[in-house]
């Protein structure tokens, strides 16, 4: 796994991409902190495989009938805005 300072990664971006494809993930570092990783598309797709998108995630959850929600049957209290 390679590591690159931000400026070096910018200057040699083509090489970063090639190494991500041929050698594996490339880490980008800014001010001594790992801030990003460049992956080959094949690796990214492998990681994402089987993971539902957000819509699928919501649909796969339990139905609302599982929830026991009761609403108060009391009449709504009147509300008056103060006069200024």
PDB file of N, CA and C in Angstrom:
ATOM      1  N   UNK A   1       0.858  -1.168   0.000  1.00  0.00           N
ATOM      2  CA  UNK A   1       0.000   0.000   0.000  1.00  0.00           C
ATOM      3  C   UNK A   1       0.906   1.233   0.000  1.00  0.00           C
ATOM      4  N   UNK A   2       0.693   2.108  -0.972  1.00  0.00           N
ATOM      5  CA  UNK A   2       1.510   3.304  -1.072  1.00  0.00           C
ATOM      6  C   UNK A   2       0.917   4.467  -0.295  1.00  0.00           C
ATOM      7  N   UNK A   3       1.779   5.389   0.076  1.00  0.00           N
ATOM      8  CA  UNK A   3       1.322   6.610   0.740  1.00  0.00           C
ATOM      9  C   UNK A   3       1.874   7.808  -0.007  1.00  0.00           C
ATOM     10  N   UNK A   4       1.067   8.852  -0.082  1.00  0.00           N
ATOM     11  CA  UNK A   4       1.411  10.045  -0.841  1.00  0.00           C
ATOM     12  C   UNK A   4       1.032  11.293  -0.062  1.00  0.00           C
ATOM     13  N   UNK A   5       1.933  12.264  -0.041  1.00  0.00           N
ATOM     14  CA  UNK A   5       1.571  13.580   0.449  1.00  0.00           C
ATOM     15  C   UNK A   5       0.641  14.203  -0.594  1.00  0.00           C
ATOM     16  N   UNK A   6      -0.258  15.081  -0.179  1.00  0.00           N
ATOM     17  CA  UNK A   6      -1.253  15.652  -1.086  1.00  0.00           C
ATOM     18  C   UNK A   6      -0.606  16.269  -2.322  1.00  0.00           C
ATOM     19  N   UNK A   7       0.378  17.108  -2.140  1.00  0.00           N
ATOM     20  CA  UNK A   7       0.998  17.789  -3.291  1.00  0.00           C
ATOM     21  C   UNK A   7       1.651  16.802  -4.252  1.00  0.00           C
ATOM     22  N   UNK A   8       2.297  15.798  -3.692  1.00  0.00           N
ATOM     23  CA  UNK A   8       2.935  14.783  -4.535  1.00  0.00           C
ATOM     24  C   UNK A   8       1.872  13.994  -5.306  1.00  0.00           C
ATOM     25  N   UNK A   9       0.775  13.660  -4.640  1.00  0.00           N
ATOM     26  CA  UNK A   9      -0.316  12.933  -5.300  1.00  0.00           C
ATOM     27  C   UNK A   9      -0.921  13.775  -6.424  1.00  0.00           C
ATOM     28  N   UNK A  10      -1.006  15.086  -6.203  1.00  0.00           N
ATOM     29  CA  UNK A  10      -1.539  15.971  -7.242  1.00  0.00           C
ATOM     30  C   UNK A  10      -0.617  15.989  -8.461  1.00  0.00           C
ATOM     31  N   UNK A  11       0.673  16.135  -8.204  1.00  0.00           N
ATOM     32  CA  UNK A  11       1.633  16.220  -9.310  1.00  0.00           C
ATOM     33  C   UNK A  11       1.739  14.921 -10.089  1.00  0.00           C
ATOM     34  N   UNK A  12       1.597  13.799  -9.389  1.00  0.00           N
ATOM     35  CA  UNK A  12       1.816  12.505 -10.024  1.00  0.00           C
ATOM     36  C   UNK A  12       0.538  11.661 -10.020  1.00  0.00           C
ATOM     37  N   UNK A  13      -0.589  12.330 -10.258  1.00  0.00           N
ATOM     38  CA  UNK A  13      -1.880  11.674 -10.143  1.00  0.00           C
ATOM     39  C   UNK A  13      -2.000  10.445 -11.048  1.00  0.00           C
ATOM     40  N   UNK A  14      -1.505  10.538 -12.245  1.00  0.00           N
ATOM     41  CA  UNK A  14      -1.540   9.381 -13.149  1.00  0.00           C
ATOM     42  C   UNK A  14      -0.843   8.177 -12.544  1.00  0.00           C
ATOM     43  N   UNK A  15       0.301   8.415 -11.898  1.00  0.00           N
ATOM     44  CA  UNK A  15       1.038   7.327 -11.257  1.00  0.00           C
ATOM     45  C   UNK A  15       0.260   6.779 -10.060  1.00  0.00           C
ATOM     46  N   UNK A  16      -0.376   7.665  -9.302  1.00  0.00           N
ATOM     47  CA  UNK A  16      -1.201   7.224  -8.173  1.00  0.00           C
ATOM     48  C   UNK A  16      -2.297   6.285  -8.678  1.00  0.00           C
ATOM     49  N   UNK A  17      -2.951   6.662  -9.773  1.00  0.00           N
ATOM     50  CA  UNK A  17      -4.010   5.825 -10.338  1.00  0.00           C
ATOM     51  C   UNK A  17      -3.471   4.481 -10.815  1.00  0.00           C
ATOM     52  N   UNK A  18      -2.339   4.520 -11.493  1.00  0.00           N
ATOM     53  CA  UNK A  18      -1.750   3.271 -11.992  1.00  0.00           C
ATOM     54  C   UNK A  18      -1.399   2.345 -10.834  1.00  0.00           C
ATOM     55  N   UNK A  19      -0.786   2.910  -9.787  1.00  0.00           N
ATOM     56  CA  UNK A  19      -0.400   2.085  -8.637  1.00  0.00           C
ATOM     57  C   UNK A  19      -1.628   1.546  -7.905  1.00  0.00           C
ATOM     58  N   UNK A  20      -2.706   2.340  -7.841  1.00  0.00           N
ATOM     59  CA  UNK A  20      -3.935   1.856  -7.207  1.00  0.00           C
ATOM     60  C   UNK A  20      -4.461   0.644  -7.958  1.00  0.00           C
ATOM     61  N   UNK A  21      -4.386   0.693  -9.279  1.00  0.00           N
ATOM     62  CA  UNK A  21      -4.856  -0.414 -10.102  1.00  0.00           C
ATOM     63  C   UNK A  21      -3.932  -1.627  -9.984  1.00  0.00           C
ATOM     64  N   UNK A  22      -2.612  -1.389 -10.049  1.00  0.00           N
ATOM     65  CA  UNK A  22      -1.652  -2.494 -10.119  1.00  0.00           C
ATOM     66  C   UNK A  22      -1.165  -3.003  -8.762  1.00  0.00           C
ATOM     67  N   UNK A  23      -1.097  -2.115  -7.765  1.00  0.00           N
ATOM     68  CA  UNK A  23      -0.474  -2.492  -6.491  1.00  0.00           C
ATOM     69  C   UNK A  23      -1.422  -2.457  -5.300  1.00  0.00           C
ATOM     70  N   UNK A  24      -2.578  -1.820  -5.471  1.00  0.00           N
ATOM     71  CA  UNK A  24      -3.524  -1.767  -4.351  1.00  0.00           C
ATOM     72  C   UNK A  24      -3.765  -0.341  -3.885  1.00  0.00           C
ATOM     73  N   UNK A  25      -4.543  -0.195  -2.828  1.00  0.00           N
ATOM     74  CA  UNK A  25      -4.944   1.125  -2.339  1.00  0.00           C
ATOM     75  C   UNK A  25      -3.758   2.058  -2.095  1.00  0.00           C
ATOM     76  N   UNK A  26      -3.967   3.336  -2.432  1.00  0.00           N
ATOM     77  CA  UNK A  26      -2.951   4.374  -2.235  1.00  0.00           C
ATOM     78  C   UNK A  26      -3.523   5.396  -1.242  1.00  0.00           C
ATOM     79  N   UNK A  27      -2.800   5.611  -0.154  1.00  0.00           N
ATOM     80  CA  UNK A  27      -3.240   6.512   0.915  1.00  0.00           C
ATOM     81  C   UNK A  27      -2.717   7.917   0.647  1.00  0.00           C
ATOM     82  N   UNK A  28      -3.580   8.909   0.835  1.00  0.00           N
ATOM     83  CA  UNK A  28      -3.186  10.313   0.679  1.00  0.00           C
ATOM     84  C   UNK A  28      -3.130  10.937   2.071  1.00  0.00           C
ATOM     85  N   UNK A  29      -2.015  11.632   2.344  1.00  0.00           N
ATOM     86  CA  UNK A  29      -1.761  12.200   3.664  1.00  0.00           C
ATOM     87  C   UNK A  29      -1.673  13.719   3.568  1.00  0.00           C
ATOM     88  N   UNK A  30      -2.338  14.397   4.511  1.00  0.00           N
ATOM     89  CA  UNK A  30      -2.240  15.856   4.605  1.00  0.00           C
ATOM     90  C   UNK A  30      -1.906  16.201   6.058  1.00  0.00           C
ATOM     91  N   UNK A  31      -0.839  16.947   6.234  1.00  0.00           N
ATOM     92  CA  UNK A  31      -0.401  17.373   7.567  1.00  0.00           C
ATOM     93  C   UNK A  31      -0.258  16.174   8.520  1.00  0.00           C
ATOM     94  N   UNK A  32       0.274  15.077   7.996  1.00  0.00           N
ATOM     95  CA  UNK A  32       0.534  13.893   8.805  1.00  0.00           C
ATOM     96  C   UNK A  32      -0.690  13.032   9.092  1.00  0.00           C
ATOM     97  N   UNK A  33      -1.842  13.393   8.545  1.00  0.00           N
ATOM     98  CA  UNK A  33      -3.075  12.645   8.795  1.00  0.00           C
ATOM     99  C   UNK A  33      -3.561  11.985   7.507  1.00  0.00           C
ATOM    100  N   UNK A  34      -3.936  10.727   7.582  1.00  0.00           N
ATOM    101  CA  UNK A  34      -4.494  10.030   6.432  1.00  0.00           C
ATOM    102  C   UNK A  34      -5.874  10.609   6.143  1.00  0.00           C
ATOM    103  N   UNK A  35      -6.053  11.166   4.941  1.00  0.00           N
ATOM    104  CA  UNK A  35      -7.310  11.851   4.627  1.00  0.00           C
ATOM    105  C   UNK A  35      -8.094  11.196   3.495  1.00  0.00           C
ATOM    106  N   UNK A  36      -7.470  10.362   2.696  1.00  0.00           N
ATOM    107  CA  UNK A  36      -8.176   9.758   1.565  1.00  0.00           C
ATOM    108  C   UNK A  36      -7.446   8.496   1.133  1.00  0.00           C
ATOM    109  N   UNK A  37      -8.176   7.694   0.379  1.00  0.00           N
ATOM    110  CA  UNK A  37      -7.577   6.507  -0.216  1.00  0.00           C
ATOM    111  C   UNK A  37      -8.055   6.424  -1.659  1.00  0.00           C
ATOM    112  N   UNK A  38      -7.140   6.078  -2.548  1.00  0.00           N
ATOM    113  CA  UNK A  38      -7.468   5.902  -3.965  1.00  0.00           C
ATOM    114  C   UNK A  38      -7.487   4.402  -4.225  1.00  0.00           C
ATOM    115  N   UNK A  39      -8.646   3.926  -4.702  1.00  0.00           N
ATOM    116  CA  UNK A  39      -8.819   2.504  -4.986  1.00  0.00           C
ATOM    117  C   UNK A  39      -9.050   2.287  -6.472  1.00  0.00           C
ATOM    118  N   UNK A  40      -8.647   1.131  -6.951  1.00  0.00           N
ATOM    119  CA  UNK A  40      -9.020   0.727  -8.301  1.00  0.00           C
ATOM    120  C   UNK A  40     -10.528   0.508  -8.312  1.00  0.00           C
ATOM    121  N   UNK A  41     -11.173   0.798  -9.424  1.00  0.00           N
ATOM    122  CA  UNK A  41     -12.630   0.647  -9.521  1.00  0.00           C
ATOM    123  C   UNK A  41     -13.045  -0.784  -9.218  1.00  0.00           C
ATOM    124  N   UNK A  42     -12.277  -1.748  -9.676  1.00  0.00           N
ATOM    125  CA  UNK A  42     -12.584  -3.162  -9.413  1.00  0.00           C
ATOM    126  C   UNK A  42     -12.639  -3.431  -7.906  1.00  0.00           C
ATOM    127  N   UNK A  43     -11.682  -2.895  -7.173  1.00  0.00           N
ATOM    128  CA  UNK A  43     -11.645  -3.076  -5.718  1.00  0.00           C
ATOM    129  C   UNK A  43     -12.836  -2.386  -5.049  1.00  0.00           C
ATOM    130  N   UNK A  44     -13.162  -1.188  -5.502  1.00  0.00           N
ATOM    131  CA  UNK A  44     -14.300  -0.447  -4.958  1.00  0.00           C
ATOM    132  C   UNK A  44     -15.593  -1.238  -5.177  1.00  0.00           C
ATOM    133  N   UNK A  45     -15.790  -1.755  -6.375  1.00  0.00           N
ATOM    134  CA  UNK A  45     -17.004  -2.537  -6.667  1.00  0.00           C
ATOM    135  C   UNK A  45     -17.074  -3.799  -5.812  1.00  0.00           C
ATOM    136  N   UNK A  46     -15.927  -4.423  -5.602  1.00  0.00           N
ATOM    137  CA  UNK A  46     -15.895  -5.618  -4.756  1.00  0.00           C
ATOM    138  C   UNK A  46     -16.326  -5.269  -3.331  1.00  0.00           C
ATOM    139  N   UNK A  47     -15.859  -4.149  -2.824  1.00  0.00           N
ATOM    140  CA  UNK A  47     -16.220  -3.731  -1.469  1.00  0.00           C
ATOM    141  C   UNK A  47     -17.701  -3.378  -1.350  1.00  0.00           C
ATOM    142  N   UNK A  48     -18.253  -2.789  -2.407  1.00  0.00           N
ATOM    143  CA  UNK A  48     -19.650  -2.366  -2.390  1.00  0.00           C
ATOM    144  C   UNK A  48     -20.624  -3.506  -2.689  1.00  0.00           C
ATOM    145  N   UNK A  49     -20.127  -4.610  -3.195  1.00  0.00           N
ATOM    146  CA  UNK A  49     -20.972  -5.727  -3.612  1.00  0.00           C
ATOM    147  C   UNK A  49     -21.860  -6.192  -2.459  1.00  0.00           C
ATOM    148  N   UNK A  50     -23.150  -6.330  -2.781  1.00  0.00           N
ATOM    149  CA  UNK A  50     -24.082  -6.838  -1.787  1.00  0.00           C
ATOM    150  C   UNK A  50     -24.586  -5.795  -0.809  1.00  0.00           C
ATOM    151  N   UNK A  51     -24.019  -4.623  -0.824  1.00  0.00           N
ATOM    152  CA  UNK A  51     -24.455  -3.576   0.092  1.00  0.00           C
ATOM    153  C   UNK A  51     -25.650  -2.857  -0.523  1.00  0.00           C
ATOM    154  N   UNK A  52     -26.787  -2.830   0.184  1.00  0.00           N
ATOM    155  CA  UNK A  52     -27.961  -2.188  -0.412  1.00  0.00           C
ATOM    156  C   UNK A  52     -27.788  -0.674  -0.499  1.00  0.00           C
ATOM    157  N   UNK A  53     -28.425  -0.072  -1.499  1.00  0.00           N
ATOM    158  CA  UNK A  53     -28.413   1.378  -1.530  1.00  0.00           C
ATOM    159  C   UNK A  53     -29.389   1.874  -0.460  1.00  0.00           C
ATOM    160  N   UNK A  54     -29.448   3.168  -0.244  1.00  0.00           N
ATOM    161  CA  UNK A  54     -30.221   3.718   0.855  1.00  0.00           C
ATOM    162  C   UNK A  54     -31.704   3.377   0.741  1.00  0.00           C
ATOM    163  N   UNK A  55     -32.244   3.455  -0.470  1.00  0.00           N
ATOM    164  CA  UNK A  55     -33.658   3.135  -0.671  1.00  0.00           C
ATOM    165  C   UNK A  55     -33.922   1.677  -0.310  1.00  0.00           C
ATOM    166  N   UNK A  56     -33.077   0.767  -0.780  1.00  0.00           N
ATOM    167  CA  UNK A  56     -33.240  -0.654  -0.461  1.00  0.00           C
ATOM    168  C   UNK A  56     -33.129  -0.895   1.037  1.00  0.00           C
ATOM    169  N   UNK A  57     -32.227  -0.177   1.688  1.00  0.00           N
ATOM    170  CA  UNK A  57     -32.049  -0.297   3.130  1.00  0.00           C
ATOM    171  C   UNK A  57     -33.339   0.078   3.868  1.00  0.00           C
ATOM    172  N   UNK A  58     -33.954   1.200   3.464  1.00  0.00           N
ATOM    173  CA  UNK A  58     -35.189   1.627   4.117  1.00  0.00           C
ATOM    174  C   UNK A  58     -36.331   0.648   3.863  1.00  0.00           C
ATOM    175  N   UNK A  59     -36.452   0.176   2.633  1.00  0.00           N
ATOM    176  CA  UNK A  59     -37.528  -0.750   2.286  1.00  0.00           C
ATOM    177  C   UNK A  59     -37.377  -2.080   3.022  1.00  0.00           C
ATOM    178  N   UNK A  60     -36.157  -2.497   3.289  1.00  0.00           N
ATOM    179  CA  UNK A  60     -35.925  -3.793   3.930  1.00  0.00           C
ATOM    180  C   UNK A  60     -36.234  -3.778   5.420  1.00  0.00           C
ATOM    181  N   UNK A  61     -36.471  -2.606   5.989  1.00  0.00           N
ATOM    182  CA  UNK A  61     -36.760  -2.510   7.416  1.00  0.00           C
ATOM    183  C   UNK A  61     -38.143  -3.030   7.748  1.00  0.00           C
ATOM    184  N   UNK A  62     -38.442  -3.121   9.051  1.00  0.00           N
ATOM    185  CA  UNK A  62     -39.768  -3.607   9.445  1.00  0.00           C
ATOM    186  C   UNK A  62     -40.860  -2.637   9.003  1.00  0.00           C
ATOM    187  N   UNK A  63     -42.041  -3.158   8.766  1.00  0.00           N
ATOM    188  CA  UNK A  63     -43.171  -2.319   8.389  1.00  0.00           C
ATOM    189  C   UNK A  63     -43.610  -1.459   9.570  1.00  0.00           C
ATOM    190  N   UNK A  64     -44.345  -0.427   9.288  1.00  0.00           N
ATOM    191  CA  UNK A  64     -44.800   0.472  10.350  1.00  0.00           C
ATOM    192  C   UNK A  64     -45.833  -0.187  11.252  1.00  0.00           C
ATOM    193  N   UNK A  65     -46.456  -1.270  10.796  1.00  0.00           N
ATOM    194  CA  UNK A  65     -47.440  -1.956  11.624  1.00  0.00           C
ATOM    195  C   UNK A  65     -46.799  -2.552  12.876  1.00  0.00           C
ATOM    196  N   UNK A  66     -45.495  -2.717  12.864  1.00  0.00           N
ATOM    197  CA  UNK A  66     -44.776  -3.249  14.023  1.00  0.00           C
ATOM    198  C   UNK A  66     -44.795  -2.235  15.171  1.00  0.00           C
ATOM    199  N   UNK A  67     -44.838  -0.963  14.823  1.00  0.00           N
ATOM    200  CA  UNK A  67     -44.818   0.081  15.836  1.00  0.00           C
ATOM    201  C   UNK A  67     -46.167   0.188  16.526  1.00  0.00           C
ATOM    202  N   UNK A  68     -46.134   0.411  17.817  1.00  0.00           N
ATOM    203  CA  UNK A  68     -47.361   0.625  18.570  1.00  0.00           C
ATOM    204  C   UNK A  68     -47.435   2.105  18.924  1.00  0.00           C
ATOM    205  N   UNK A  69     -48.077   2.853  18.069  1.00  0.00           N
ATOM    206  CA  UNK A  69     -48.177   4.296  18.262  1.00  0.00           C
ATOM    207  C   UNK A  69     -49.632   4.635  18.580  1.00  0.00           C
ATOM    208  N   UNK A  70     -49.834   5.286  19.697  1.00  0.00           N
ATOM    209  CA  UNK A  70     -51.170   5.717  20.067  1.00  0.00           C
ATOM    210  C   UNK A  70     -51.193   7.227  20.155  1.00  0.00           C
ATOM    211  N   UNK A  71     -52.233   7.783  19.596  1.00  0.00           N
ATOM    212  CA  UNK A  71     -52.397   9.227  19.652  1.00  0.00           C
ATOM    213  C   UNK A  71     -53.432   9.549  20.717  1.00  0.00           C
ATOM    214  N   UNK A  72     -53.156  10.598  21.451  1.00  0.00           N
ATOM    215  CA  UNK A  72     -54.091  11.036  22.482  1.00  0.00           C
ATOM    216  C   UNK A  72     -55.421  11.405  21.841  1.00  0.00           C
ATOM    217  N   UNK A  73     -56.485  11.023  22.486  1.00  0.00           N
ATOM    218  CA  UNK A  73     -57.825  11.328  21.999  1.00  0.00           C
ATOM    219  C   UNK A  73     -58.372  12.619  22.613  1.00  0.00           C
ATOM    220  N   UNK A  74     -57.552  13.243  23.452  1.00  0.00           N
ATOM    221  CA  UNK A  74     -57.994  14.499  24.073  1.00  0.00           C
ATOM    222  C   UNK A  74     -58.088  15.591  23.011  1.00  0.00           C
ATOM    223  N   UNK A  75     -59.060  16.502  23.201  1.00  0.00           N
ATOM    224  CA  UNK A  75     -59.172  17.604  22.233  1.00  0.00           C
ATOM    225  C   UNK A  75     -57.918  18.478  22.270  1.00  0.00           C
ATOM    226  N   UNK A  76     -57.665  19.110  21.153  1.00  0.00           N
ATOM    227  CA  UNK A  76     -56.496  19.993  21.054  1.00  0.00           C
ATOM    228  C   UNK A  76     -56.733  21.211  21.926  1.00  0.00           C
ATOM    229  N   UNK A  77     -55.713  21.589  22.689  1.00  0.00           N
ATOM    230  CA  UNK A  77     -55.836  22.778  23.548  1.00  0.00           C
ATOM    231  C   UNK A  77     -55.748  24.022  22.692  1.00  0.00           C
ATOM    232  N   UNK A  78     -56.562  25.018  22.989  1.00  0.00           N
ATOM    233  CA  UNK A  78     -56.472  26.257  22.230  1.00  0.00           C
ATOM    234  C   UNK A  78     -55.149  26.966  22.518  1.00  0.00           C
ATOM    235  N   UNK A  79     -54.631  27.614  21.523  1.00  0.00           N
ATOM    236  CA  UNK A  79     -53.368  28.332  21.667  1.00  0.00           C
ATOM    237  C   UNK A  79     -53.555  29.744  21.148  1.00  0.00           C
ATOM    238  N   UNK A  80     -53.183  30.688  21.967  1.00  0.00           N
ATOM    239  CA  UNK A  80     -53.322  32.072  21.555  1.00  0.00           C
ATOM    240  C   UNK A  80     -51.955  32.735  21.595  1.00  0.00           C
ATOM    241  N   UNK A  81     -51.657  33.482  20.563  1.00  0.00           N
ATOM    242  CA  UNK A  81     -50.405  34.244  20.530  1.00  0.00           C
ATOM    243  C   UNK A  81     -50.541  35.467  21.422  1.00  0.00           C
ATOM    244  N   UNK A  82     -49.514  35.775  22.172  1.00  0.00           N
ATOM    245  CA  UNK A  82     -49.584  36.978  22.997  1.00  0.00           C
ATOM    246  C   UNK A  82     -49.626  38.224  22.131  1.00  0.00           C
ATOM    247  N   UNK A  83     -50.383  39.217  22.577  1.00  0.00           N
ATOM    248  CA  UNK A  83     -50.469  40.487  21.866  1.00  0.00           C
ATOM    249  C   UNK A  83     -49.301  41.340  22.290  1.00  0.00           C
ATOM    250  N   UNK A  84     -48.587  41.871  21.343  1.00  0.00           N
ATOM    251  CA  UNK A  84     -47.427  42.738  21.638  1.00  0.00           C
ATOM    252  C   UNK A  84     -47.696  44.180  21.327  1.00  0.00           C
TER     253      UNK A  84
END
